[in-house]
Amino acid sequence: MASTENSKAPDSYPTPKSEKQDSRLVINISHKFIVSICKPLIPLKIALSLWFTASMGTTGYITLFFNQRGLTVEEISFMYLIANLSQFVFNTACGVISDKIRRPTYMTILSILIAGSLATYMTFIPKVSETIEENKSFGSLYCGKMDFAQVEINRTCDNSLQIIPCEDMCTQECCKDVSVNKLNLIDKFVNKSMSSFYNGSEYDFDWCFRESKTALFANSTHPVCGVYQKVCALTCSEYKSATADRNSRAIFFIAISILFFTFDENVFRFLDFLSNYMANTFEAEYGRQIFWSNIGALTGPSLVALIIQQASASEEMPNYESSLYFYAAVAVLTIAIVYTLNVSQGKATQEMSTAVMTLFGNVDFLFFIFILFVLGGTWGFLASFHNLFLADIGTPIYMMGLLDTFSGVCGLPVLVGGKWLTDKIGHSNIFTLALLGYFFKCFGYSFIRVAWPVFFLELIMIFSYHLLWIATMDYCAVIAPDGLKGTVIILAGTMHFSLGRAFGSFTGGLLMSAYGATAAFQIMGAVNGVTFLLYSIYQYLRRYRRKKKFDIS
């Protein structure tokens, strides 16, 4: 098995020396300080900044948009789970297609175009709860008996008697036996908006009301199985159709949202690939490219919050749609910039089927994918539940925001020197450090009872997130066969940010509900600890066997 530790990525993207020199903008600030800027990478940096600003800012508030549009918490949770699984399958397939057609910029532009279009379209989808609001049949309809001398249909009812929700009666069998004549009698009363009926006439009155307004009169001369059943028989079909209409709207909205999240994540994965590809082509560093994406990720939420605030008529009704319009506008700008990127892939030197067999026959690669799955699961668990845990221990909201910003800012210097650190530490050592870091972070969270020590735990993300991803992209360029580099890079991203996150969020939620936060954090930490031990043993055995073969030879 070939070693990949500290190895340099093969120059799969050769650039002539004269072209490399012409592509550099050199600024002599002093004889000791010279700034060299790679001109072809400037559009890439702008595209990364713009996209991360829009996407990270918008997705930070999109859950509130879904809630405002009538989706329940359960529906939103289900949607996120399916979206993550969809991202893993679809985005990996897009990576394969990109390697097949050798046009990564086209795939990036197509993904941005679809994501921006879906974001705009979601603002035109009506609220999924409108049907229920317009046709309230049972939610606030109650029934009882009244023995007054005079009753008017529009009178306010005194809610002093026992009331029973009529919606529970729709499943009762006697509702199905009500005759058409009896329903016509009920309709007669309902349609008389200001008629009065006196006690002692041919009718005795039971009543049903909605929001304190009388909605229906029953009778004793034409008895049915009870006032509840009469109401249900009259409007049960309307209630069921309203519920079905609401469900169809919700399913449609969820389907559009899943597509949006899938293509949005696809853009991230292709920008990762373009950053890695162009950095290798122009002999630059990947970490210094995604430095600008982190700048966008840090400024995006605050900028989008300002846009929402300015677009809202009042604090009670925030205009979350404005964030989606901003997203769509930035998508158009990003498309224009990505189109100018100097990316030209030649024909692959190896058949894709042969490359796939080579790749999945490499135990290093399989272990690498498994580690990304574990790390992604832990990251997803922390992203989903660490703020919930902090809120439970009384952490102010402003401090939660500071913690996220603190982690991102501390990672910026690592991105600048990431290549040097990766070469010094080595890929496999960085992977083990990331596992060990999450082990300590999760166990640290389980013992925390006040918020301020979390700042120290967030420093671990320097290794477990920022440096990890530089090493991951560099390792993908090393281990991927020619013709599958895009696929491997996108597969690594979806394994961590999609499949791993889905598993971590789902499993973490089950652990939190079953055993509590402390046990959940400790179990997730233990998973990282066990994976750390397994990978360390594997690396030791691999190096021992390699050394033994060298001694024999």
Protein backbone atom coordinates (compact mmCIF):
# COMPACT_ATOMS: atom_id res chain seq x y z
CA MET A 1 0.00 0.00 0.00
CA ALA A 2 1.42 3.33 -0.99
CA SER A 3 2.08 5.82 1.74
CA THR A 4 0.36 9.17 1.53
CA GLU A 5 1.75 10.76 4.66
CA ASN A 6 3.25 14.20 4.03
CA SER A 7 3.31 13.49 0.32
CA LYS A 8 2.81 16.26 -2.17
CA ALA A 9 -0.13 16.21 -4.53
CA PRO A 10 0.86 15.30 -8.04
CA ASP A 11 0.82 18.17 -10.45
CA SER A 12 -2.30 17.12 -12.27
CA TYR A 13 -2.94 20.66 -13.40
CA PRO A 14 0.30 21.87 -15.05
CA THR A 15 0.67 25.53 -15.90
CA PRO A 16 3.51 26.85 -18.08
CA LYS A 17 6.18 28.75 -16.19
CA SER A 18 5.73 31.94 -18.21
CA GLU A 19 1.98 31.86 -17.56
CA LYS A 20 2.59 31.43 -13.83
CA GLN A 21 4.87 34.47 -13.80
CA ASP A 22 2.37 36.56 -15.76
CA SER A 23 -0.42 35.54 -13.40
CA ARG A 24 1.31 37.09 -10.39
CA LEU A 25 0.81 40.66 -9.24
CA VAL A 26 3.87 41.57 -7.15
CA ILE A 27 3.71 44.58 -4.82
CA ASN A 28 7.01 45.70 -3.27
CA ILE A 29 6.04 47.35 -0.01
CA SER A 30 9.66 47.29 1.19
CA HIS A 31 12.81 45.29 0.49
CA LYS A 32 11.78 42.93 3.30
CA PHE A 33 8.05 42.80 2.62
CA ILE A 34 6.76 41.77 -0.79
CA VAL A 35 3.13 40.92 -1.52
CA SER A 36 2.47 38.45 -4.34
CA ILE A 37 -1.13 38.10 -5.51
CA CYS A 38 -2.28 35.42 -7.96
CA LYS A 39 -4.58 37.31 -10.31
CA PRO A 40 -6.61 34.29 -11.56
CA LEU A 41 -7.51 33.48 -7.94
CA ILE A 42 -9.01 36.91 -7.20
CA PRO A 43 -12.41 36.03 -8.77
CA LEU A 44 -12.40 32.77 -6.81
CA LYS A 45 -11.87 34.63 -3.54
CA ILE A 46 -14.71 37.04 -4.39
CA ALA A 47 -17.03 34.16 -5.30
CA LEU A 48 -16.24 32.36 -2.04
CA SER A 49 -16.86 35.51 0.02
CA LEU A 50 -20.14 36.29 -1.71
CA TRP A 51 -21.56 32.79 -1.59
CA PHE A 52 -20.67 32.10 2.02
CA THR A 53 -22.05 35.50 3.04
CA ALA A 54 -25.40 34.82 1.37
CA SER A 55 -25.76 31.13 2.15
CA MET A 56 -24.52 31.10 5.74
CA GLY A 57 -26.52 34.23 6.48
CA THR A 58 -29.75 33.02 4.89
CA THR A 59 -29.69 29.47 6.23
CA GLY A 60 -29.19 30.89 9.72
CA TYR A 61 -32.70 32.35 9.56
CA ILE A 62 -34.45 30.02 7.15
CA THR A 63 -35.83 27.83 9.95
CA LEU A 64 -37.68 30.90 11.24
CA PHE A 65 -38.99 31.47 7.71
CA PHE A 66 -40.31 27.90 7.58
CA ASN A 67 -41.98 28.31 10.96
CA GLN A 68 -43.53 31.60 9.86
CA ARG A 69 -44.93 29.84 6.78
CA GLY A 70 -46.76 27.31 8.93
CA LEU A 71 -44.47 24.29 9.09
CA THR A 72 -44.31 22.54 12.44
CA VAL A 73 -41.09 21.75 14.30
CA GLU A 74 -41.54 18.05 13.51
CA GLU A 75 -41.95 18.79 9.80
CA ILE A 76 -38.86 21.01 9.77
CA SER A 77 -36.78 18.36 11.55
CA PHE A 78 -37.93 15.70 9.08
CA MET A 79 -37.12 18.03 6.19
CA TYR A 80 -33.55 18.63 7.41
CA LEU A 81 -32.96 14.89 7.83
CA ILE A 82 -34.17 14.05 4.32
CA ALA A 83 -32.26 17.02 2.88
CA ASN A 84 -28.97 15.79 4.36
CA LEU A 85 -29.50 12.31 2.95
CA SER A 86 -30.47 13.77 -0.42
CA GLN A 87 -27.31 15.88 -0.44
CA PHE A 88 -25.11 12.84 0.08
CA VAL A 89 -26.60 10.91 -2.83
CA PHE A 90 -27.22 13.74 -5.28
CA ASN A 91 -24.03 15.73 -4.69
CA THR A 92 -21.83 12.65 -5.00
CA ALA A 93 -23.57 11.84 -8.28
CA CYS A 94 -22.90 15.40 -9.46
CA GLY A 95 -19.22 14.90 -8.65
CA VAL A 96 -19.14 11.80 -10.83
CA ILE A 97 -20.87 13.66 -13.68
CA SER A 98 -18.41 16.54 -13.36
CA ASP A 99 -15.45 14.18 -13.61
CA LYS A 100 -17.09 12.53 -16.60
CA ILE A 101 -17.75 15.70 -18.59
CA ARG A 102 -14.69 17.57 -17.19
CA ARG A 103 -16.69 20.78 -16.70
CA PRO A 104 -16.80 21.65 -12.96
CA THR A 105 -17.62 25.32 -13.57
CA TYR A 106 -20.74 24.38 -15.54
CA MET A 107 -21.93 22.17 -12.70
CA THR A 108 -21.24 24.96 -10.21
CA ILE A 109 -23.14 27.55 -12.24
CA LEU A 110 -26.08 25.18 -12.75
CA SER A 111 -26.27 24.46 -9.00
CA ILE A 112 -26.15 28.17 -8.12
CA LEU A 113 -28.82 28.97 -10.71
CA ILE A 114 -31.20 26.30 -9.41
CA ALA A 115 -30.57 27.19 -5.75
CA GLY A 116 -31.20 30.89 -6.40
CA SER A 117 -34.36 30.13 -8.40
CA LEU A 118 -35.73 27.87 -5.67
CA ALA A 119 -34.99 30.51 -3.03
CA THR A 120 -37.02 33.04 -5.01
CA TYR A 121 -39.82 30.55 -5.66
CA MET A 122 -40.18 29.74 -1.95
CA THR A 123 -41.19 33.34 -1.28
CA PHE A 124 -44.26 32.86 -3.53
CA ILE A 125 -45.46 29.64 -1.92
CA PRO A 126 -48.52 30.47 0.26
CA LYS A 127 -48.58 29.61 3.92
CA VAL A 128 -49.32 25.96 4.49
CA SER A 129 -51.67 26.90 7.35
CA GLU A 130 -53.89 29.22 5.29
CA THR A 131 -56.41 26.48 4.50
CA ILE A 132 -57.02 25.76 8.17
CA GLU A 133 -57.21 29.45 9.04
CA GLU A 134 -59.76 30.14 6.32
CA ASN A 135 -61.91 27.04 6.95
CA LYS A 136 -61.84 26.54 10.69
CA SER A 137 -64.18 23.60 11.06
CA PHE A 138 -63.39 21.99 14.37
CA GLY A 139 -60.36 23.50 16.04
CA SER A 140 -62.47 25.92 18.10
CA LEU A 141 -65.95 24.43 17.71
CA TYR A 142 -67.62 23.32 20.96
CA CYS A 143 -71.02 21.99 21.83
CA GLY A 144 -73.40 21.87 24.78
CA LYS A 145 -77.02 22.39 25.92
CA MET A 146 -78.77 25.68 26.54
CA ASP A 147 -82.18 26.26 28.17
CA PHE A 148 -82.88 29.93 27.47
CA ALA A 149 -86.23 31.40 26.44
CA GLN A 150 -84.78 32.96 23.33
CA VAL A 151 -81.66 32.11 21.35
CA GLU A 152 -80.25 34.00 18.39
CA ILE A 153 -77.77 32.51 15.99
CA ASN A 154 -75.32 35.39 16.31
CA ARG A 155 -75.57 35.78 20.08
CA THR A 156 -72.53 35.37 22.31
CA CYS A 157 -72.70 32.10 24.20
CA ASP A 158 -71.95 31.80 27.87
CA ASN A 159 -69.25 29.18 28.19
CA SER A 160 -70.33 28.04 31.65
CA LEU A 161 -71.33 24.52 30.69
CA GLN A 162 -69.10 21.58 29.99
CA ILE A 163 -67.72 21.79 26.47
CA ILE A 164 -66.29 19.03 24.31
CA PRO A 165 -64.18 19.48 21.15
CA CYS A 166 -66.28 18.31 18.21
CA GLU A 167 -63.23 17.35 16.14
CA ASP A 168 -62.97 14.15 18.18
CA MET A 169 -66.38 13.05 16.91
CA CYS A 170 -65.47 12.74 13.24
CA THR A 171 -64.40 9.15 13.72
CA GLN A 172 -67.64 8.03 15.36
CA GLU A 173 -69.82 5.64 13.42
CA CYS A 174 -73.14 7.38 14.07
CA CYS A 175 -71.95 10.38 12.10
CA LYS A 176 -72.21 8.26 8.98
CA ASP A 177 -75.91 7.49 9.61
CA VAL A 178 -77.26 11.04 9.54
CA SER A 179 -79.90 11.42 6.83
CA VAL A 180 -79.96 14.14 4.21
CA ASN A 181 -83.25 15.52 5.59
CA LYS A 182 -81.73 16.04 9.00
CA LEU A 183 -78.75 17.79 7.46
CA ASN A 184 -81.07 20.05 5.50
CA LEU A 185 -82.75 21.01 8.76
CA ILE A 186 -79.40 21.94 10.23
CA ASP A 187 -78.56 23.93 7.10
CA LYS A 188 -81.84 25.80 7.48
CA PHE A 189 -80.81 27.02 10.91
CA VAL A 190 -77.26 27.81 9.94
CA ASN A 191 -78.29 29.93 6.96
CA LYS A 192 -80.62 32.11 9.04
CA SER A 193 -78.16 34.62 10.39
CA MET A 194 -80.56 36.61 12.63
CA SER A 195 -83.52 34.33 13.32
CA SER A 196 -84.90 33.80 16.80
CA PHE A 197 -86.51 30.63 18.08
CA TYR A 198 -88.53 30.41 21.27
CA ASN A 199 -88.63 27.72 23.86
CA GLY A 200 -91.91 25.84 23.61
CA SER A 201 -91.94 25.80 19.84
CA GLU A 202 -91.34 22.63 17.89
CA TYR A 203 -87.61 22.97 18.52
CA ASP A 204 -85.55 22.58 21.68
CA PHE A 205 -82.10 23.98 21.34
CA ASP A 206 -78.72 22.47 21.80
CA TRP A 207 -75.90 24.62 20.55
CA CYS A 208 -72.45 24.65 19.01
CA PHE A 209 -70.27 27.68 18.79
CA ARG A 210 -66.96 28.73 17.32
CA GLU A 211 -64.96 31.49 18.96
CA SER A 212 -67.99 32.41 21.12
CA LYS A 213 -70.31 32.76 18.08
CA THR A 214 -73.28 30.39 17.74
CA ALA A 215 -72.72 28.28 14.66
CA LEU A 216 -75.45 25.63 14.69
CA PHE A 217 -78.78 24.71 16.28
CA ALA A 218 -79.89 21.17 16.94
CA ASN A 219 -83.40 19.97 17.70
CA SER A 220 -85.45 17.34 19.49
CA THR A 221 -88.28 17.02 16.95
CA HIS A 222 -85.86 15.64 14.37
CA PRO A 223 -83.47 13.78 16.63
CA VAL A 224 -80.09 12.52 15.55
CA CYS A 225 -77.46 10.82 17.65
CA GLY A 226 -76.42 14.06 19.35
CA VAL A 227 -75.35 17.59 18.66
CA TYR A 228 -71.68 16.65 18.32
CA GLN A 229 -72.43 14.05 15.68
CA LYS A 230 -74.75 16.42 13.82
CA VAL A 231 -72.02 19.02 13.59
CA CYS A 232 -69.49 16.45 12.49
CA ALA A 233 -71.78 15.00 9.86
CA LEU A 234 -72.43 18.44 8.42
CA THR A 235 -68.84 19.56 8.12
CA CYS A 236 -66.63 16.50 8.52
CA SER A 237 -66.02 16.25 4.79
CA GLU A 238 -65.00 19.91 4.71
CA TYR A 239 -62.65 19.35 7.65
CA LYS A 240 -61.06 16.33 6.04
CA SER A 241 -60.58 18.12 2.72
CA ALA A 242 -59.03 21.09 4.53
CA THR A 243 -56.64 18.78 6.37
CA ALA A 244 -55.74 16.99 3.16
CA ASP A 245 -55.15 20.31 1.42
CA ARG A 246 -52.92 21.48 4.26
CA ASN A 247 -50.93 18.24 4.10
CA SER A 248 -50.46 18.51 0.35
CA ARG A 249 -49.23 22.09 0.71
CA ALA A 250 -46.82 21.09 3.45
CA ILE A 251 -45.45 18.16 1.44
CA PHE A 252 -44.96 20.37 -1.61
CA PHE A 253 -43.23 23.07 0.47
CA ILE A 254 -40.98 20.48 2.11
CA ALA A 255 -40.07 18.97 -1.28
CA ILE A 256 -39.08 22.38 -2.68
CA SER A 257 -37.06 23.12 0.46
CA ILE A 258 -35.22 19.80 0.23
CA LEU A 259 -34.28 20.59 -3.36
CA PHE A 260 -33.08 24.02 -2.27
CA PHE A 261 -30.86 22.61 0.47
CA THR A 262 -29.52 19.94 -1.88
CA PHE A 263 -28.40 22.40 -4.55
CA ASP A 264 -27.20 24.91 -1.96
CA GLU A 265 -24.89 22.28 -0.46
CA ASN A 266 -23.84 21.21 -3.95
CA VAL A 267 -22.48 24.71 -4.53
CA PHE A 268 -20.33 24.44 -1.39
CA ARG A 269 -18.89 21.13 -2.55
CA PHE A 270 -18.05 22.39 -6.04
CA LEU A 271 -16.51 25.57 -4.65
CA ASP A 272 -14.34 23.31 -2.50
CA PHE A 273 -13.28 21.44 -5.62
CA LEU A 274 -12.63 24.62 -7.62
CA SER A 275 -10.60 26.09 -4.75
CA ASN A 276 -8.47 22.97 -4.47
CA TYR A 277 -8.08 22.64 -8.23
CA MET A 278 -7.09 26.25 -8.86
CA ALA A 279 -4.80 26.38 -5.82
CA ASN A 280 -2.87 23.40 -7.19
CA THR A 281 -2.89 24.81 -10.71
CA PHE A 282 -1.39 28.16 -9.74
CA GLU A 283 0.82 26.80 -6.93
CA ALA A 284 -1.19 28.54 -4.21
CA GLU A 285 -2.57 27.27 -0.92
CA TYR A 286 -6.09 25.97 -0.48
CA GLY A 287 -6.32 27.36 3.06
CA ARG A 288 -5.67 30.90 1.85
CA GLN A 289 -8.57 30.60 -0.56
CA ILE A 290 -11.11 29.40 1.99
CA PHE A 291 -9.88 32.13 4.33
CA TRP A 292 -12.23 34.34 2.34
CA SER A 293 -15.10 31.90 2.67
CA ASN A 294 -14.70 32.11 6.45
CA ILE A 295 -14.80 35.90 6.23
CA GLY A 296 -18.12 35.55 4.41
CA ALA A 297 -19.41 33.01 6.94
CA LEU A 298 -18.58 35.39 9.80
CA THR A 299 -20.18 38.47 8.23
CA GLY A 300 -23.18 36.75 6.61
CA PRO A 301 -25.47 36.22 9.63
CA SER A 302 -25.06 39.81 10.85
CA LEU A 303 -25.60 41.27 7.38
CA VAL A 304 -28.72 39.18 6.75
CA ALA A 305 -30.06 40.08 10.20
CA LEU A 306 -29.67 43.75 9.28
CA ILE A 307 -31.46 43.18 5.96
CA ILE A 308 -34.35 41.42 7.71
CA GLN A 309 -34.60 44.20 10.28
CA GLN A 310 -34.68 46.94 7.63
CA ALA A 311 -37.22 45.08 5.50
CA SER A 312 -39.60 44.32 8.38
CA ALA A 313 -42.57 46.56 9.01
CA SER A 314 -42.52 45.69 12.71
CA GLU A 315 -40.62 43.53 15.15
CA GLU A 316 -43.71 41.37 15.62
CA MET A 317 -43.74 40.38 11.92
CA PRO A 318 -40.13 40.05 10.69
CA ASN A 319 -39.74 39.84 6.93
CA TYR A 320 -37.69 36.66 6.54
CA GLU A 321 -38.48 36.61 2.82
CA SER A 322 -35.97 39.42 2.34
CA SER A 323 -33.13 37.04 3.22
CA LEU A 324 -34.15 34.78 0.33
CA TYR A 325 -34.27 37.72 -2.09
CA PHE A 326 -30.77 38.66 -0.93
CA TYR A 327 -29.67 35.07 -1.47
CA ALA A 328 -31.03 35.07 -5.03
CA ALA A 329 -29.38 38.41 -5.86
CA VAL A 330 -25.99 37.21 -4.62
CA ALA A 331 -26.47 33.98 -6.57
CA VAL A 332 -26.67 36.01 -9.80
CA LEU A 333 -23.44 37.85 -8.95
CA THR A 334 -21.70 34.60 -8.03
CA ILE A 335 -22.70 33.00 -11.34
CA ALA A 336 -21.16 35.91 -13.24
CA ILE A 337 -17.91 35.57 -11.27
CA VAL A 338 -17.66 31.77 -11.45
CA TYR A 339 -18.10 31.98 -15.22
CA THR A 340 -14.82 33.94 -15.44
CA LEU A 341 -12.75 31.35 -13.52
CA ASN A 342 -9.81 29.94 -15.43
CA VAL A 343 -10.51 26.23 -15.06
CA SER A 344 -9.59 23.81 -17.83
CA GLN A 345 -9.53 20.09 -17.18
CA GLY A 346 -7.89 17.85 -19.73
CA LYS A 347 -8.96 14.34 -20.54
CA ALA A 348 -8.47 11.87 -17.70
CA THR A 349 -5.51 9.53 -18.13
CA GLN A 350 -7.36 6.67 -16.43
CA GLU A 351 -10.75 5.10 -17.10
CA MET A 352 -13.31 5.99 -14.44
CA SER A 353 -14.23 2.37 -13.72
CA THR A 354 -10.57 1.48 -13.20
CA ALA A 355 -10.10 4.53 -11.00
CA VAL A 356 -13.10 3.55 -8.85
CA MET A 357 -11.74 0.04 -8.33
CA THR A 358 -8.35 1.46 -7.40
CA LEU A 359 -9.88 3.94 -4.99
CA PHE A 360 -12.17 1.56 -3.09
CA GLY A 361 -9.42 -1.03 -2.91
CA ASN A 362 -7.34 1.42 -0.88
CA VAL A 363 -7.79 0.79 2.86
CA ASP A 364 -6.38 4.24 3.61
CA PHE A 365 -9.24 5.81 1.67
CA LEU A 366 -11.91 3.66 3.36
CA PHE A 367 -10.58 4.55 6.81
CA PHE A 368 -10.43 8.20 5.76
CA ILE A 369 -14.11 8.16 4.74
CA PHE A 370 -15.09 6.46 8.00
CA ILE A 371 -13.22 9.09 10.03
CA LEU A 372 -14.96 11.89 8.14
CA PHE A 373 -18.30 10.25 8.90
CA VAL A 374 -17.54 10.14 12.65
CA LEU A 375 -16.19 13.70 12.68
CA GLY A 376 -19.16 14.93 10.65
CA GLY A 377 -21.58 13.22 13.01
CA THR A 378 -19.97 14.90 16.00
CA TRP A 379 -19.95 18.26 14.25
CA GLY A 380 -23.63 17.86 13.34
CA PHE A 381 -24.52 16.90 16.91
CA LEU A 382 -22.72 19.94 18.33
CA ALA A 383 -24.17 22.27 15.70
CA SER A 384 -27.69 21.07 16.51
CA PHE A 385 -27.60 20.84 20.29
CA HIS A 386 -24.76 22.82 21.83
CA ASN A 387 -26.80 26.05 21.89
CA LEU A 388 -29.73 24.16 23.41
CA PHE A 389 -27.41 22.86 26.12
CA LEU A 390 -25.96 26.33 26.71
CA ALA A 391 -29.47 27.76 27.04
CA ASP A 392 -30.30 25.12 29.65
CA ILE A 393 -27.37 26.24 31.83
CA GLY A 394 -28.45 29.88 31.58
CA THR A 395 -26.12 31.20 28.88
CA PRO A 396 -27.17 34.62 27.52
CA ILE A 397 -28.01 34.75 23.81
CA TYR A 398 -25.28 37.30 23.09
CA MET A 399 -22.68 34.92 24.53
CA MET A 400 -23.86 32.12 22.23
CA GLY A 401 -23.23 34.40 19.27
CA LEU A 402 -19.83 35.38 20.65
CA LEU A 403 -18.84 31.72 20.98
CA ASP A 404 -19.55 31.02 17.30
CA THR A 405 -17.72 34.18 16.23
CA PHE A 406 -14.79 33.41 18.54
CA SER A 407 -14.36 29.96 17.01
CA GLY A 408 -14.41 31.35 13.47
CA VAL A 409 -11.98 34.19 14.18
CA CYS A 410 -9.51 31.86 15.91
CA GLY A 411 -9.52 29.65 12.83
CA LEU A 412 -8.46 32.43 10.43
CA PRO A 413 -4.69 32.31 11.24
CA VAL A 414 -4.77 28.53 10.83
CA LEU A 415 -6.20 28.91 7.33
CA VAL A 416 -3.36 31.23 6.34
CA GLY A 417 -0.68 28.80 7.54
CA GLY A 418 -2.65 25.62 7.00
CA LYS A 419 -0.45 24.16 4.26
CA TRP A 420 2.71 24.59 6.34
CA LEU A 421 1.03 23.00 9.38
CA THR A 422 -0.30 20.12 7.29
CA ASP A 423 3.15 19.39 5.87
CA LYS A 424 4.70 19.51 9.33
CA ILE A 425 2.07 17.49 11.19
CA GLY A 426 0.92 15.12 8.44
CA HIS A 427 -2.55 14.17 7.24
CA SER A 428 -3.09 11.14 9.47
CA ASN A 429 -1.85 12.98 12.55
CA ILE A 430 -4.28 15.82 11.91
CA PHE A 431 -7.13 13.31 11.60
CA THR A 432 -6.19 11.76 14.94
CA LEU A 433 -5.90 15.23 16.51
CA ALA A 434 -9.40 16.07 15.25
CA LEU A 435 -10.83 12.89 16.81
CA LEU A 436 -9.00 13.53 20.06
CA GLY A 437 -10.15 17.15 20.05
CA TYR A 438 -13.82 16.19 19.74
CA PHE A 439 -13.30 13.60 22.48
CA PHE A 440 -12.15 16.30 24.91
CA LYS A 441 -14.70 18.84 23.69
CA CYS A 442 -17.70 16.54 24.14
CA PHE A 443 -16.59 15.38 27.57
CA GLY A 444 -15.82 18.99 28.48
CA TYR A 445 -19.36 20.03 27.59
CA SER A 446 -20.79 17.23 29.73
CA PHE A 447 -19.14 18.66 32.86
CA ILE A 448 -19.81 22.35 32.20
CA ARG A 449 -22.34 24.13 34.41
CA VAL A 450 -21.40 27.75 33.54
CA ALA A 451 -20.74 29.17 30.09
CA TRP A 452 -17.34 30.87 30.23
CA PRO A 453 -15.17 27.67 30.02
CA VAL A 454 -16.76 26.97 26.63
CA PHE A 455 -14.44 29.58 25.11
CA PHE A 456 -11.51 27.26 25.85
CA LEU A 457 -13.37 24.28 24.37
CA GLU A 458 -14.08 26.23 21.19
CA LEU A 459 -10.33 26.56 20.61
CA ILE A 460 -10.34 22.83 19.84
CA MET A 461 -12.16 23.64 16.59
CA ILE A 462 -8.86 24.97 15.26
CA PHE A 463 -7.78 21.34 14.85
CA SER A 464 -11.13 19.55 14.64
CA TYR A 465 -12.60 21.78 11.94
CA HIS A 466 -10.36 24.40 10.30
CA LEU A 467 -7.07 22.51 10.05
CA LEU A 468 -8.99 19.27 9.50
CA TRP A 469 -10.59 20.58 6.34
CA ILE A 470 -7.32 21.86 4.88
CA ALA A 471 -5.79 18.43 5.50
CA THR A 472 -8.88 16.74 4.06
CA MET A 473 -8.75 18.65 0.77
CA ASP A 474 -5.00 18.16 0.49
CA TYR A 475 -5.38 14.45 1.20
CA CYS A 476 -8.12 14.13 -1.42
CA ALA A 477 -5.78 15.60 -4.04
CA VAL A 478 -3.14 13.06 -3.00
CA ILE A 479 -5.20 9.89 -2.77
CA ALA A 480 -7.74 10.40 -5.59
CA PRO A 481 -6.91 8.70 -8.90
CA ASP A 482 -6.76 10.87 -11.98
CA GLY A 483 -10.29 11.27 -13.28
CA LEU A 484 -11.94 11.04 -9.86
CA LYS A 485 -10.53 14.04 -8.02
CA GLY A 486 -13.77 15.98 -8.15
CA THR A 487 -15.77 12.95 -7.04
CA VAL A 488 -13.48 12.27 -4.08
CA ILE A 489 -13.49 15.91 -2.93
CA ILE A 490 -17.29 16.13 -3.14
CA LEU A 491 -17.71 12.71 -1.53
CA ALA A 492 -15.53 13.83 1.39
CA GLY A 493 -17.62 16.98 1.81
CA THR A 494 -20.96 15.19 1.69
CA MET A 495 -19.73 12.46 4.03
CA HIS A 496 -18.85 15.09 6.65
CA PHE A 497 -21.40 17.86 6.12
CA SER A 498 -24.40 15.82 4.91
CA LEU A 499 -24.47 12.13 5.85
CA GLY A 500 -22.39 12.57 9.00
CA ARG A 501 -24.39 15.59 10.09
CA ALA A 502 -27.70 13.78 9.51
CA PHE A 503 -26.57 10.80 11.57
CA GLY A 504 -25.15 12.98 14.35
CA SER A 505 -28.22 15.19 14.62
CA PHE A 506 -30.67 12.27 14.55
CA THR A 507 -28.71 10.04 16.93
CA GLY A 508 -27.84 12.95 19.19
CA GLY A 509 -31.50 13.92 19.44
CA LEU A 510 -32.44 10.39 20.46
CA LEU A 511 -29.66 10.32 23.06
CA MET A 512 -30.65 13.74 24.43
CA SER A 513 -34.29 12.73 24.83
CA ALA A 514 -33.53 9.28 26.28
CA TYR A 515 -30.57 9.93 28.59
CA GLY A 516 -30.17 13.69 28.90
CA ALA A 517 -27.54 16.13 27.67
CA THR A 518 -24.67 14.97 29.89
CA ALA A 519 -24.88 11.34 28.78
CA ALA A 520 -25.37 12.34 25.13
CA PHE A 521 -22.20 14.43 25.09
CA GLN A 522 -20.24 11.67 26.81
CA ILE A 523 -21.45 9.00 24.37
CA MET A 524 -20.51 11.15 21.37
CA GLY A 525 -17.14 11.82 22.95
CA ALA A 526 -16.63 8.10 23.55
CA VAL A 527 -17.34 7.36 19.87
CA ASN A 528 -14.55 9.75 18.90
CA GLY A 529 -12.25 8.22 21.49
CA VAL A 530 -12.81 4.68 20.19
CA THR A 531 -12.31 5.83 16.59
CA PHE A 532 -9.10 7.59 17.65
CA LEU A 533 -7.77 4.35 19.15
CA LEU A 534 -8.74 2.26 16.11
CA TYR A 535 -7.14 4.68 13.67
CA SER A 536 -4.00 5.01 15.79
CA ILE A 537 -3.63 1.21 15.90
CA TYR A 538 -4.14 1.02 12.14
CA GLN A 539 -1.51 3.69 11.50
CA TYR A 540 0.96 1.95 13.81
CA LEU A 541 0.46 -1.43 12.11
CA ARG A 542 0.73 0.14 8.67
CA ARG A 543 4.02 1.85 9.49
CA TYR A 544 5.35 -1.25 11.24
CA ARG A 545 4.60 -3.44 8.22
CA ARG A 546 6.15 -0.90 5.88
CA LYS A 547 9.29 -0.70 8.02
CA LYS A 548 9.49 -4.49 8.20
CA LYS A 549 9.30 -4.79 4.43
CA PHE A 550 12.02 -2.19 4.10
CA ASP A 551 14.29 -4.07 6.54
CA ILE A 552 13.78 -7.35 4.66
CA SER A 553 14.62 -5.76 1.36
